[in-house]
Amino acid sequence: MNLDKATYSAHTSPMQSHINVGSGVDITIKELALTIAKVIGYEGAIEFDPTKPDGTPRKLMDSTRLNNLGWQASVSLEEGLKLAYNDFLKNHINFQ
């Protein structure tokens, strides 16, 4: 983040020294699965079993502290997935 030590220290404490990084946008597991399928070009079926537990209702990360320091996400989840997938194809596909 390139924060100077005084700014970082003013927004953290020794036992809480991490600052969450998130987009502030909530997404369901289904939406995530469909977005990943779109990004990688998967055209097969994706099945969800509604009889199984669906986990925590919300997993939205609170990025208020980071946003108050002037940082905002500049890449959408879909674009970030595309960038990561293209990097994988370019640099790691033959990695064994």
Protein backbone atom coordinates (compact mmCIF):
# COMPACT_ATOMS: atom_id res chain seq x y z
CA MET A 1 0.00 0.00 0.00
CA ASN A 2 2.99 2.25 0.39
CA LEU A 3 1.54 3.92 3.48
CA ASP A 4 3.96 5.80 5.64
CA LYS A 5 4.46 4.24 9.07
CA ALA A 6 2.55 6.99 10.90
CA THR A 7 -0.56 6.58 8.74
CA TYR A 8 -0.41 2.77 8.98
CA SER A 9 0.04 2.91 12.77
CA ALA A 10 -2.89 5.32 13.12
CA HIS A 11 -5.23 2.82 11.42
CA THR A 12 -3.99 -0.43 12.95
CA SER A 13 -2.86 -1.83 16.29
CA PRO A 14 -0.26 -4.48 17.16
CA MET A 15 -2.91 -7.22 17.57
CA GLN A 16 -4.94 -6.00 14.57
CA SER A 17 -2.30 -5.12 12.02
CA HIS A 18 -4.05 -6.35 8.87
CA ILE A 19 -6.23 -4.24 6.62
CA ASN A 20 -8.86 -6.11 4.59
CA VAL A 21 -8.80 -5.69 0.83
CA GLY A 22 -12.11 -6.22 -0.92
CA SER A 23 -14.36 -4.76 -3.54
CA GLY A 24 -17.34 -4.08 -1.28
CA VAL A 25 -19.52 -6.11 -3.65
CA ASP A 26 -21.29 -9.25 -2.42
CA ILE A 27 -21.59 -12.30 -4.67
CA THR A 28 -23.23 -15.68 -4.23
CA ILE A 29 -21.43 -18.97 -4.77
CA LYS A 30 -23.69 -19.56 -7.79
CA GLU A 31 -22.80 -16.17 -9.29
CA LEU A 32 -19.11 -16.87 -8.70
CA ALA A 33 -19.32 -20.32 -10.33
CA LEU A 34 -21.14 -18.91 -13.36
CA THR A 35 -18.63 -16.05 -13.66
CA ILE A 36 -15.68 -18.47 -13.54
CA ALA A 37 -17.36 -20.67 -16.16
CA LYS A 38 -17.83 -17.63 -18.40
CA VAL A 39 -14.22 -16.50 -17.98
CA ILE A 40 -12.71 -19.89 -18.80
CA GLY A 41 -15.18 -20.69 -21.55
CA TYR A 42 -16.79 -23.64 -19.76
CA GLU A 43 -20.06 -24.55 -21.46
CA GLY A 44 -20.97 -27.66 -19.47
CA ALA A 45 -23.63 -27.97 -16.82
CA ILE A 46 -23.15 -26.60 -13.35
CA GLU A 47 -25.40 -28.28 -10.82
CA PHE A 48 -26.34 -27.01 -7.39
CA ASP A 49 -27.90 -29.21 -4.73
CA PRO A 50 -30.40 -27.12 -2.76
CA THR A 51 -30.80 -29.93 -0.20
CA LYS A 52 -27.27 -29.35 1.09
CA PRO A 53 -26.23 -26.59 3.48
CA ASP A 54 -25.24 -23.43 1.65
CA GLY A 55 -22.68 -22.11 4.13
CA THR A 56 -22.54 -18.65 5.57
CA PRO A 57 -25.31 -16.41 4.19
CA ARG A 58 -22.88 -13.55 3.52
CA LYS A 59 -19.14 -13.40 3.05
CA LEU A 60 -18.75 -9.73 2.23
CA MET A 61 -15.43 -8.38 3.48
CA ASP A 62 -15.52 -5.02 5.23
CA SER A 63 -13.01 -2.78 3.46
CA THR A 64 -14.10 0.43 5.18
CA ARG A 65 -10.71 1.00 6.80
CA LEU A 66 -8.90 0.66 3.49
CA ASN A 67 -11.45 2.77 1.63
CA ASN A 68 -11.08 5.50 4.27
CA LEU A 69 -7.37 5.57 3.42
CA GLY A 70 -8.27 6.41 -0.18
CA TRP A 71 -8.02 2.96 -1.80
CA GLN A 72 -10.82 1.65 -4.01
CA ALA A 73 -10.92 -1.53 -6.08
CA SER A 74 -10.11 -0.66 -9.69
CA VAL A 75 -10.63 -4.12 -11.20
CA SER A 76 -13.94 -5.99 -11.12
CA LEU A 77 -14.05 -9.60 -9.99
CA GLU A 78 -14.71 -10.80 -13.53
CA GLU A 79 -11.83 -8.77 -14.94
CA GLY A 80 -9.52 -9.98 -12.15
CA LEU A 81 -10.48 -13.58 -12.90
CA LYS A 82 -9.76 -13.01 -16.60
CA LEU A 83 -6.35 -11.54 -15.80
CA ALA A 84 -5.49 -14.41 -13.44
CA TYR A 85 -6.71 -17.07 -15.88
CA ASN A 86 -4.81 -15.54 -18.80
CA ASP A 87 -1.66 -15.38 -16.66
CA PHE A 88 -2.14 -19.04 -15.79
CA LEU A 89 -2.55 -20.00 -19.45
CA LYS A 90 0.48 -17.96 -20.47
CA ASN A 91 2.88 -18.84 -17.65
CA HIS A 92 1.75 -21.97 -15.83
CA ILE A 93 -0.27 -24.25 -18.11
CA ASN A 94 2.72 -26.53 -18.77
CA PHE A 95 3.94 -26.41 -15.18
CA GLN A 96 4.00 -29.92 -13.76
